[in-house]
C-alpha atoms as a PDB file:
ATOM      1  CA  MET A   1     140.733  97.072 138.539  1.00  0.00           C
ATOM      2  CA  LYS A   2     138.710  98.643 141.187  1.00  0.00           C
ATOM      3  CA  LEU A   3     136.879  95.079 141.946  1.00  0.00           C
ATOM      4  CA  ALA A   4     141.056  93.485 141.999  1.00  0.00           C
ATOM      5  CA  ARG A   5     142.063  96.841 143.954  1.00  0.00           C
ATOM      6  CA  ASN A   6     140.032  96.814 146.509  1.00  0.00           C
ATOM      7  CA  TYR A   7     139.713  92.793 146.834  1.00  0.00           C
ATOM      8  CA  LEU A   8     143.982  93.232 147.673  1.00  0.00           C
ATOM      9  CA  ALA A   9     142.885  96.383 149.698  1.00  0.00           C
ATOM     10  CA  GLY A  10     140.975  94.514 151.965  1.00  0.00           C
ATOM     11  CA  LEU A  11     143.260  90.927 152.367  1.00  0.00           C
ATOM     12  CA  LEU A  12     146.789  93.541 153.233  1.00  0.00           C
ATOM     13  CA  ALA A  13     143.626  95.142 156.069  1.00  0.00           C
ATOM     14  CA  GLY A  14     143.349  91.611 157.107  1.00  0.00           C
ATOM     15  CA  VAL A  15     146.618  91.443 157.442  1.00  0.00           C
ATOM     16  CA  LEU A  16     147.628  94.540 158.860  1.00  0.00           C
ATOM     17  CA  VAL A  17     144.668  93.694 161.846  1.00  0.00           C
ATOM     18  CA  ALA A  18     145.836  90.734 162.044  1.00  0.00           C
ATOM     19  CA  GLY A  19     149.738  91.947 163.608  1.00  0.00           C
ATOM     20  CA  LEU A  20     147.352  95.439 165.148  1.00  0.00           C
ATOM     21  CA  GLY A  21     144.528  93.256 167.168  1.00  0.00           C
ATOM     22  CA  ALA A  22     147.056  91.453 169.447  1.00  0.00           C
ATOM     23  CA  VAL A  23     146.652  93.172 172.686  1.00  0.00           C
ATOM     24  CA  PRO A  24     142.783  93.429 173.218  1.00  0.00           C
ATOM     25  CA  VAL A  25     141.941  96.502 174.800  1.00  0.00           C
ATOM     26  CA  ALA A  26     139.101  96.957 177.410  1.00  0.00           C
ATOM     27  CA  HIS A  27     135.827  98.349 177.750  1.00  0.00           C
ATOM     28  CA  GLY A  28     134.016  99.275 180.541  1.00  0.00           C
ATOM     29  CA  GLU A  29     130.378 101.362 180.706  1.00  0.00           C
ATOM     30  CA  GLU A  30     132.056 104.121 181.066  1.00  0.00           C
ATOM     31  CA  ASP A  31     134.010 104.146 177.411  1.00  0.00           C
ATOM     32  CA  ALA A  32     131.704 103.865 174.797  1.00  0.00           C
ATOM     33  CA  ILE A  33     132.812 103.878 171.235  1.00  0.00           C
ATOM     34  CA  GLU A  34     131.435 106.882 169.387  1.00  0.00           C
ATOM     35  CA  LEU A  35     130.844 105.541 165.238  1.00  0.00           C
ATOM     36  CA  ASP A  36     129.039 107.657 162.765  1.00  0.00           C
ATOM     37  CA  VAL A  37     127.295 105.334 159.689  1.00  0.00           C
ATOM     38  CA  MET A  38     125.007 106.863 156.720  1.00  0.00           C
ATOM     39  CA  SER A  39     123.407 104.632 154.672  1.00  0.00           C
ATOM     40  CA  PHE A  40     122.760 106.998 150.980  1.00  0.00           C
ATOM     41  CA  ASN A  41     121.467 106.363 147.908  1.00  0.00           C
ATOM     42  CA  ILE A  42     123.340 108.565 145.812  1.00  0.00           C
ATOM     43  CA  ARG A  43     120.990 107.619 142.405  1.00  0.00           C
ATOM     44  CA  PHE A  44     122.893 105.496 139.784  1.00  0.00           C
ATOM     45  CA  GLY A  45     125.082 108.120 138.226  1.00  0.00           C
ATOM     46  CA  THR A  46     123.723 107.551 134.446  1.00  0.00           C
ATOM     47  CA  ALA A  47     120.437 108.205 135.052  1.00  0.00           C
ATOM     48  CA  ASP A  48     119.081 111.417 133.310  1.00  0.00           C
ATOM     49  CA  ASP A  49     117.719 113.383 135.404  1.00  0.00           C
ATOM     50  CA  GLY A  50     118.418 116.303 133.346  1.00  0.00           C
ATOM     51  CA  PRO A  51     119.535 119.629 136.384  1.00  0.00           C
ATOM     52  CA  ASP A  52     120.060 116.656 138.806  1.00  0.00           C
ATOM     53  CA  SER A  53     122.136 114.462 136.843  1.00  0.00           C
ATOM     54  CA  TRP A  54     125.316 113.757 138.092  1.00  0.00           C
ATOM     55  CA  PRO A  55     127.783 116.032 136.517  1.00  0.00           C
ATOM     56  CA  TYR A  56     125.000 119.075 138.319  1.00  0.00           C
ATOM     57  CA  ARG A  57     124.986 117.276 141.804  1.00  0.00           C
ATOM     58  CA  LYS A  58     128.559 115.265 142.203  1.00  0.00           C
ATOM     59  CA  ALA A  59     130.559 117.568 143.978  1.00  0.00           C
ATOM     60  CA  MET A  60     127.122 118.539 146.367  1.00  0.00           C
ATOM     61  CA  VAL A  61     127.089 114.736 147.494  1.00  0.00           C
ATOM     62  CA  ALA A  62     131.188 114.725 148.517  1.00  0.00           C
ATOM     63  CA  ASP A  63     130.393 118.544 150.503  1.00  0.00           C
ATOM     64  CA  MET A  64     127.651 116.570 152.019  1.00  0.00           C
ATOM     65  CA  ILE A  65     129.594 113.672 152.861  1.00  0.00           C
ATOM     66  CA  ILE A  66     132.067 116.159 154.438  1.00  0.00           C
ATOM     67  CA  GLN A  67     129.620 117.469 156.619  1.00  0.00           C
ATOM     68  CA  TYR A  68     129.531 115.068 157.998  1.00  0.00           C
ATOM     69  CA  MET A  69     132.513 112.738 158.083  1.00  0.00           C
ATOM     70  CA  PRO A  70     130.771 109.344 158.583  1.00  0.00           C
ATOM     71  CA  ASP A  71     132.777 106.421 159.576  1.00  0.00           C
ATOM     72  CA  ILE A  72     131.179 103.734 157.699  1.00  0.00           C
ATOM     73  CA  ILE A  73     128.622 104.949 154.822  1.00  0.00           C
ATOM     74  CA  GLY A  74     127.130 102.157 152.949  1.00  0.00           C
ATOM     75  CA  THR A  75     125.595 103.542 148.974  1.00  0.00           C
ATOM     76  CA  GLN A  76     123.374 102.568 146.792  1.00  0.00           C
ATOM     77  CA  GLU A  77     123.252 102.368 143.302  1.00  0.00           C
ATOM     78  CA  THR A  78     126.183 103.836 143.065  1.00  0.00           C
ATOM     79  CA  LEU A  79     128.275 103.364 140.195  1.00  0.00           C
ATOM     80  CA  GLU A  80     131.923 102.517 139.571  1.00  0.00           C
ATOM     81  CA  PHE A  81     132.839 106.147 138.185  1.00  0.00           C
ATOM     82  CA  GLN A  82     130.917 107.453 141.720  1.00  0.00           C
ATOM     83  CA  ALA A  83     132.397 105.407 143.693  1.00  0.00           C
ATOM     84  CA  ASP A  84     136.224 106.761 141.897  1.00  0.00           C
ATOM     85  CA  TYR A  85     134.832 110.472 142.162  1.00  0.00           C
ATOM     86  CA  LEU A  86     133.928 110.280 145.842  1.00  0.00           C
ATOM     87  CA  GLU A  87     137.117 108.927 146.570  1.00  0.00           C
ATOM     88  CA  LYS A  88     139.734 111.450 144.735  1.00  0.00           C
ATOM     89  CA  VAL A  89     137.839 114.437 145.961  1.00  0.00           C
ATOM     90  CA  LEU A  90     137.269 113.153 149.985  1.00  0.00           C
ATOM     91  CA  PRO A  91     140.936 111.711 151.117  1.00  0.00           C
ATOM     92  CA  GLU A  92     139.817 110.596 154.245  1.00  0.00           C
ATOM     93  CA  TYR A  93     137.413 107.778 152.344  1.00  0.00           C
ATOM     94  CA  ARG A  94     138.616 104.575 150.235  1.00  0.00           C
ATOM     95  CA  TRP A  95     135.757 102.276 148.892  1.00  0.00           C
ATOM     96  CA  PHE A  96     135.102  98.875 147.984  1.00  0.00           C
ATOM     97  CA  GLY A  97     132.317  97.102 146.434  1.00  0.00           C
ATOM     98  CA  VAL A  98     131.040  94.997 143.472  1.00  0.00           C
ATOM     99  CA  GLY A  99     127.692  95.341 140.775  1.00  0.00           C
ATOM    100  CA  ARG A 100     124.783  93.672 140.805  1.00  0.00           C
ATOM    101  CA  GLN A 101     124.716  91.849 137.340  1.00  0.00           C
ATOM    102  CA  ALA A 102     126.221  88.423 136.475  1.00  0.00           C
ATOM    103  CA  ASP A 103     129.788  90.282 135.494  1.00  0.00           C
ATOM    104  CA  LEU A 104     130.375  92.659 138.176  1.00  0.00           C
ATOM    105  CA  MET A 105     128.906  95.152 137.142  1.00  0.00           C
ATOM    106  CA  ASP A 106     126.339  97.921 137.063  1.00  0.00           C
ATOM    107  CA  GLU A 107     124.896  99.177 140.197  1.00  0.00           C
ATOM    108  CA  HIS A 108     126.954  98.206 143.867  1.00  0.00           C
ATOM    109  CA  THR A 109     125.846  98.350 146.893  1.00  0.00           C
ATOM    110  CA  ALA A 110     128.889 100.148 147.901  1.00  0.00           C
ATOM    111  CA  PHE A 111     130.876 100.845 151.118  1.00  0.00           C
ATOM    112  CA  LEU A 112     132.530 104.524 151.322  1.00  0.00           C
ATOM    113  CA  TYR A 113     134.601 104.193 154.436  1.00  0.00           C
ATOM    114  CA  ASN A 114     137.083 106.842 156.559  1.00  0.00           C
ATOM    115  CA  HIS A 115     140.258 104.598 156.853  1.00  0.00           C
ATOM    116  CA  GLU A 116     141.698 107.083 159.268  1.00  0.00           C
ATOM    117  CA  THR A 117     138.855 105.536 161.640  1.00  0.00           C
ATOM    118  CA  VAL A 118     138.463 102.125 160.368  1.00  0.00           C
ATOM    119  CA  ARG A 119     139.340  99.280 158.295  1.00  0.00           C
ATOM    120  CA  PRO A 120     137.453  96.512 157.018  1.00  0.00           C
ATOM    121  CA  VAL A 121     139.270  93.351 157.241  1.00  0.00           C
ATOM    122  CA  LYS A 122     136.810  91.201 156.129  1.00  0.00           C
ATOM    123  CA  ILE A 123     134.879  91.145 152.957  1.00  0.00           C
ATOM    124  CA  GLY A 124     131.754  89.720 151.328  1.00  0.00           C
ATOM    125  CA  ASN A 125     128.232  89.749 148.818  1.00  0.00           C
ATOM    126  CA  PHE A 126     126.232  87.453 148.718  1.00  0.00           C
ATOM    127  CA  TRP A 127     122.644  87.751 146.802  1.00  0.00           C
ATOM    128  CA  LEU A 128     119.150  88.307 147.075  1.00  0.00           C
ATOM    129  CA  SER A 129     118.135  84.898 145.866  1.00  0.00           C
ATOM    130  CA  GLU A 130     117.601  81.678 146.499  1.00  0.00           C
ATOM    131  CA  THR A 131     121.031  81.025 144.985  1.00  0.00           C
ATOM    132  CA  PRO A 132     122.435  83.607 146.859  1.00  0.00           C
ATOM    133  CA  HIS A 133     126.056  82.731 146.132  1.00  0.00           C
ATOM    134  CA  VAL A 134     125.945  83.071 142.725  1.00  0.00           C
ATOM    135  CA  PRO A 135     126.551  86.644 141.304  1.00  0.00           C
ATOM    136  CA  GLY A 136     123.754  88.113 139.380  1.00  0.00           C
ATOM    137  CA  SER A 137     121.231  85.671 140.368  1.00  0.00           C
ATOM    138  CA  GLN A 138     117.490  86.471 140.892  1.00  0.00           C
ATOM    139  CA  SER A 139     114.211  84.382 141.995  1.00  0.00           C
ATOM    140  CA  TRP A 140     111.015  85.159 143.753  1.00  0.00           C
ATOM    141  CA  ASP A 141     108.753  88.042 141.814  1.00  0.00           C
ATOM    142  CA  SER A 142     112.059  90.487 141.693  1.00  0.00           C
ATOM    143  CA  ALA A 143     112.251  93.234 138.914  1.00  0.00           C
ATOM    144  CA  LEU A 144     116.448  92.919 138.581  1.00  0.00           C
ATOM    145  CA  PRO A 145     119.281  92.089 140.240  1.00  0.00           C
ATOM    146  CA  ARG A 146     119.425  92.107 144.422  1.00  0.00           C
ATOM    147  CA  MET A 147     122.646  92.526 146.833  1.00  0.00           C
ATOM    148  CA  VAL A 148     123.884  92.016 149.532  1.00  0.00           C
ATOM    149  CA  THR A 149     127.741  94.095 150.128  1.00  0.00           C
ATOM    150  CA  TRP A 150     129.214  93.453 153.631  1.00  0.00           C
ATOM    151  CA  ALA A 151     131.876  94.035 155.670  1.00  0.00           C
ATOM    152  CA  ARG A 152     133.945  93.196 158.976  1.00  0.00           C
ATOM    153  CA  PHE A 153     135.627  97.126 160.158  1.00  0.00           C
ATOM    154  CA  TYR A 154     138.108  97.093 162.504  1.00  0.00           C
ATOM    155  CA  HIS A 155     138.218 100.266 165.174  1.00  0.00           C
ATOM    156  CA  LEU A 156     141.560 101.778 164.786  1.00  0.00           C
ATOM    157  CA  ASP A 157     141.450 103.377 168.253  1.00  0.00           C
ATOM    158  CA  SER A 158     139.574 100.751 170.345  1.00  0.00           C
ATOM    159  CA  GLN A 159     140.720  97.419 168.161  1.00  0.00           C
ATOM    160  CA  GLU A 160     136.985  96.387 167.867  1.00  0.00           C
ATOM    161  CA  MET A 161     135.446  94.963 165.631  1.00  0.00           C
ATOM    162  CA  VAL A 162     132.069  95.516 164.117  1.00  0.00           C
ATOM    163  CA  THR A 163     129.978  93.316 160.836  1.00  0.00           C
ATOM    164  CA  VAL A 164     127.695  95.612 158.664  1.00  0.00           C
ATOM    165  CA  TYR A 165     125.886  94.996 155.982  1.00  0.00           C
ATOM    166  CA  ASN A 166     124.553  97.035 153.153  1.00  0.00           C
ATOM    167  CA  THR A 167     121.827  96.584 150.859  1.00  0.00           C
ATOM    168  CA  HIS A 168     119.128  97.400 148.574  1.00  0.00           C
ATOM    169  CA  PHE A 169     115.635  95.593 148.018  1.00  0.00           C
ATOM    170  CA  ASP A 170     113.779  95.050 144.611  1.00  0.00           C
ATOM    171  CA  HIS A 171     111.738  98.023 143.649  1.00  0.00           C
ATOM    172  CA  ARG A 172     108.141  96.258 142.776  1.00  0.00           C
ATOM    173  CA  GLY A 173     108.675  93.126 144.685  1.00  0.00           C
ATOM    174  CA  GLN A 174     107.171  92.112 147.393  1.00  0.00           C
ATOM    175  CA  GLU A 175     107.533  88.337 147.844  1.00  0.00           C
ATOM    176  CA  ALA A 176     111.210  89.732 146.681  1.00  0.00           C
ATOM    177  CA  ARG A 177     111.281  92.035 149.535  1.00  0.00           C
ATOM    178  CA  GLU A 178     110.122  90.148 151.998  1.00  0.00           C
ATOM    179  CA  GLU A 179     112.236  86.931 151.499  1.00  0.00           C
ATOM    180  CA  SER A 180     114.823  88.847 151.128  1.00  0.00           C
ATOM    181  CA  SER A 181     114.655  90.327 154.642  1.00  0.00           C
ATOM    182  CA  ALA A 182     114.515  86.205 156.080  1.00  0.00           C
ATOM    183  CA  LEU A 183     117.764  85.718 153.920  1.00  0.00           C
ATOM    184  CA  ILE A 184     119.678  88.919 155.645  1.00  0.00           C
ATOM    185  CA  ARG A 185     117.861  88.146 159.036  1.00  0.00           C
ATOM    186  CA  ASP A 186     119.020  84.090 159.318  1.00  0.00           C
ATOM    187  CA  ARG A 187     122.712  85.803 158.091  1.00  0.00           C
ATOM    188  CA  VAL A 188     122.477  87.504 161.112  1.00  0.00           C
ATOM    189  CA  GLU A 189     121.339  85.349 163.478  1.00  0.00           C
ATOM    190  CA  GLU A 190     124.321  83.515 163.137  1.00  0.00           C
ATOM    191  CA  HIS A 191     126.346  86.163 164.256  1.00  0.00           C
ATOM    192  CA  ALA A 192     127.665  85.301 167.755  1.00  0.00           C
ATOM    193  CA  GLU A 193     125.472  87.216 170.496  1.00  0.00           C
ATOM    194  CA  ASP A 194     128.586  89.184 172.027  1.00  0.00           C
ATOM    195  CA  GLU A 195     129.971  90.077 167.847  1.00  0.00           C
ATOM    196  CA  SER A 196     128.391  94.319 166.995  1.00  0.00           C
ATOM    197  CA  VAL A 197     126.224  93.854 163.916  1.00  0.00           C
ATOM    198  CA  ILE A 198     124.212  96.901 161.871  1.00  0.00           C
ATOM    199  CA  VAL A 199     122.522  96.516 158.757  1.00  0.00           C
ATOM    200  CA  LEU A 200     121.554  99.672 156.577  1.00  0.00           C
ATOM    201  CA  GLY A 201     120.251 100.134 153.324  1.00  0.00           C
ATOM    202  CA  ASP A 202     117.487 101.188 151.140  1.00  0.00           C
ATOM    203  CA  PHE A 203     114.562  98.765 151.724  1.00  0.00           C
ATOM    204  CA  ASN A 204     112.256 100.004 149.034  1.00  0.00           C
ATOM    205  CA  ALA A 205     109.767  98.927 151.677  1.00  0.00           C
ATOM    206  CA  GLN A 206     107.808 101.334 154.354  1.00  0.00           C
ATOM    207  CA  ALA A 207     109.257 100.907 158.121  1.00  0.00           C
ATOM    208  CA  GLU A 208     106.868 100.022 160.560  1.00  0.00           C
ATOM    209  CA  GLU A 209     104.070  98.961 158.966  1.00  0.00           C
ATOM    210  CA  ASP A 210     105.456  97.014 155.727  1.00  0.00           C
ATOM    211  CA  ARG A 211     106.489  92.953 155.953  1.00  0.00           C
ATOM    212  CA  PRO A 212     110.571  93.287 155.177  1.00  0.00           C
ATOM    213  CA  TRP A 213     110.374  95.320 158.042  1.00  0.00           C
ATOM    214  CA  GLU A 214     108.674  93.357 160.445  1.00  0.00           C
ATOM    215  CA  ILE A 215     111.110  90.279 159.650  1.00  0.00           C
ATOM    216  CA  LEU A 216     114.296  92.607 160.365  1.00  0.00           C
ATOM    217  CA  VAL A 217     112.951  94.274 163.394  1.00  0.00           C
ATOM    218  CA  GLU A 218     110.673  91.645 165.056  1.00  0.00           C
ATOM    219  CA  GLU A 219     111.996  88.762 164.035  1.00  0.00           C
ATOM    220  CA  SER A 220     115.570  89.131 164.709  1.00  0.00           C
ATOM    221  CA  ARG A 221     117.932  90.831 167.001  1.00  0.00           C
ATOM    222  CA  LEU A 222     117.921  94.262 165.420  1.00  0.00           C
ATOM    223  CA  ASP A 223     116.572  97.439 166.370  1.00  0.00           C
ATOM    224  CA  ASP A 224     114.861 100.206 164.231  1.00  0.00           C
ATOM    225  CA  ALA A 225     117.919 103.480 165.276  1.00  0.00           C
ATOM    226  CA  TRP A 226     114.760 105.910 164.173  1.00  0.00           C
ATOM    227  CA  LEU A 227     112.992 104.227 167.038  1.00  0.00           C
ATOM    228  CA  THR A 228     115.559 103.948 169.248  1.00  0.00           C
ATOM    229  CA  ALA A 229     117.409 106.796 169.136  1.00  0.00           C
ATOM    230  CA  ALA A 230     117.275 109.455 172.094  1.00  0.00           C
ATOM    231  CA  GLU A 231     117.182 112.589 169.258  1.00  0.00           C
ATOM    232  CA  THR A 232     115.954 112.415 166.428  1.00  0.00           C
ATOM    233  CA  GLU A 233     116.558 114.716 163.363  1.00  0.00           C
ATOM    234  CA  GLY A 234     114.841 115.923 159.935  1.00  0.00           C
ATOM    235  CA  PRO A 235     111.321 114.119 158.995  1.00  0.00           C
ATOM    236  CA  GLU A 236     110.162 110.486 158.606  1.00  0.00           C
ATOM    237  CA  GLY A 237     110.639 110.245 154.998  1.00  0.00           C
ATOM    238  CA  THR A 238     113.457 109.496 153.180  1.00  0.00           C
ATOM    239  CA  TRP A 239     112.414 109.743 149.591  1.00  0.00           C
ATOM    240  CA  SER A 240     113.474 112.589 148.118  1.00  0.00           C
ATOM    241  CA  ALA A 241     112.423 112.968 144.851  1.00  0.00           C
ATOM    242  CA  PHE A 242     115.252 115.488 144.009  1.00  0.00           C
ATOM    243  CA  ALA A 243     112.565 118.056 145.972  1.00  0.00           C
ATOM    244  CA  PRO A 244     111.260 119.528 149.597  1.00  0.00           C
ATOM    245  CA  PRO A 245     109.916 117.116 152.274  1.00  0.00           C
ATOM    246  CA  GLU A 246     105.994 115.745 151.524  1.00  0.00           C
ATOM    247  CA  PRO A 247     104.081 114.513 154.369  1.00  0.00           C
ATOM    248  CA  ASP A 248     103.351 111.490 152.825  1.00  0.00           C
ATOM    249  CA  SER A 249     107.022 110.358 152.402  1.00  0.00           C
ATOM    250  CA  ARG A 250     107.835 107.140 153.037  1.00  0.00           C
ATOM    251  CA  ARG A 251     110.781 105.854 155.319  1.00  0.00           C
ATOM    252  CA  ILE A 252     111.957 103.593 153.410  1.00  0.00           C
ATOM    253  CA  ASP A 253     116.233 103.585 153.681  1.00  0.00           C
ATOM    254  CA  TRP A 254     117.100 102.507 157.500  1.00  0.00           C
ATOM    255  CA  ILE A 255     120.166 101.810 160.139  1.00  0.00           C
ATOM    256  CA  LEU A 256     119.300  99.076 161.895  1.00  0.00           C
ATOM    257  CA  VAL A 257     121.714  98.080 165.320  1.00  0.00           C
ATOM    258  CA  ASP A 258     121.366  94.998 167.595  1.00  0.00           C
ATOM    259  CA  ARG A 259     122.017  95.730 171.600  1.00  0.00           C
ATOM    260  CA  HIS A 260     126.165  96.654 171.009  1.00  0.00           C
ATOM    261  CA  PHE A 261     125.120 100.289 170.233  1.00  0.00           C
ATOM    262  CA  ASP A 262     122.271 103.226 171.517  1.00  0.00           C
ATOM    263  CA  VAL A 263     121.621 104.965 169.314  1.00  0.00           C
ATOM    264  CA  ASP A 264     122.079 109.441 170.433  1.00  0.00           C
ATOM    265  CA  LEU A 265     120.735 111.292 167.440  1.00  0.00           C
ATOM    266  CA  CYS A 266     119.218 109.823 163.629  1.00  0.00           C
ATOM    267  CA  GLU A 267     118.945 112.196 161.387  1.00  0.00           C
ATOM    268  CA  THR A 268     117.303 112.009 157.896  1.00  0.00           C
ATOM    269  CA  VAL A 269     119.434 115.130 155.908  1.00  0.00           C
ATOM    270  CA  LEU A 270     118.172 117.282 154.303  1.00  0.00           C
ATOM    271  CA  TYR A 271     121.510 118.948 153.143  1.00  0.00           C
ATOM    272  CA  ASN A 272     120.582 121.005 149.970  1.00  0.00           C
ATOM    273  CA  GLN A 273     121.952 123.723 147.938  1.00  0.00           C
ATOM    274  CA  ASP A 274     119.986 127.003 146.744  1.00  0.00           C
ATOM    275  CA  GLY A 275     116.693 123.929 147.387  1.00  0.00           C
ATOM    276  CA  ARG A 276     119.243 121.784 144.890  1.00  0.00           C
ATOM    277  CA  TYR A 277     119.497 118.120 146.437  1.00  0.00           C
ATOM    278  CA  PRO A 278     122.357 115.739 146.348  1.00  0.00           C
ATOM    279  CA  SER A 279     119.618 113.025 145.279  1.00  0.00           C
ATOM    280  CA  ASP A 280     116.287 111.430 145.378  1.00  0.00           C
ATOM    281  CA  HIS A 281     116.962 109.692 148.563  1.00  0.00           C
ATOM    282  CA  TYR A 282     117.757 111.386 151.937  1.00  0.00           C
ATOM    283  CA  PRO A 283     120.738 110.424 153.291  1.00  0.00           C
ATOM    284  CA  VAL A 284     119.990 108.898 156.720  1.00  0.00           C
ATOM    285  CA  TYR A 285     123.077 109.217 159.375  1.00  0.00           C
ATOM    286  CA  ALA A 286     123.008 107.766 163.032  1.00  0.00           C
ATOM    287  CA  ARG A 287     125.546 108.649 165.844  1.00  0.00           C
ATOM    288  CA  LEU A 288     126.001 105.694 167.213  1.00  0.00           C
ATOM    289  CA  GLN A 289     126.965 105.140 171.128  1.00  0.00           C
ATOM    290  CA  TRP A 290     129.434 101.376 171.192  1.00  0.00           C
ATOM    291  CA  ARG A 291     129.769  98.614 173.336  1.00  0.00           C
ATOM    292  CA  PRO A 292     131.295  95.853 172.137  1.00  0.00           C
ATOM    293  CA  SER A 293     130.471  94.074 175.259  1.00  0.00           C
ATOM    294  CA  GLY A 294     127.007  94.227 175.013  1.00  0.00           C
ATOM    295  CA  ASP A 295     127.202  96.133 178.983  1.00  0.00           C
END
């Protein structure tokens, strides 16, 4: 069973790192660590999308990942067989996650990670509800159960740790999106100031305009990578509908980082093959300069 295998892998990684991390590594201002991350709603694999259905685009999804090779990818709408396929064809990558329903099936906010650069040492999930510890729970005006998968990753070269949250907010409930933002904000604020934190996902809310963005950016320790990046590429909008960018497309997929990161590049990825796109969302990619000391 995939869940059991990934849970065991996480435990074994934790044992491994407990030994590796015995000798800390010092970092100065001049030797920031490059960390590449991506948020990607891959569109659930059983959707009847005609020529854009999963069997016809799965190789393109893998090709896009190969082109960018992020250290950590937070995916949304991922079904187990999709993650299994990507792990099979991308030998550098492993995955973990659970489904959002009470039986831990259905769509995952799954992580893909490059196991040659990072390893998860602690993995967790909580639901975006008034009872976040209850699998499959939903509250407020949410149309479906929604959740967060998070992990504390160990960076092999630097021997440093970073915590990453991956989520997918409700597509209908405004109250649910606002309460979900507040729940994640409060979780982030529980981290010590010297801990490095990234939050990414499909928030189903317009960046810089909607209240969920304000809660997570203006009322927390997080910054929007798109706004703080030294360089941006691609359009602002991230909803693609399997098509080229439209002028009024909304930026609903975000990468948020705390003060331990400078953003070299934030890109809305327009990767396509002969005008065909890998999903109904564009991936969002960020090349980060990570200074665990916060200097």
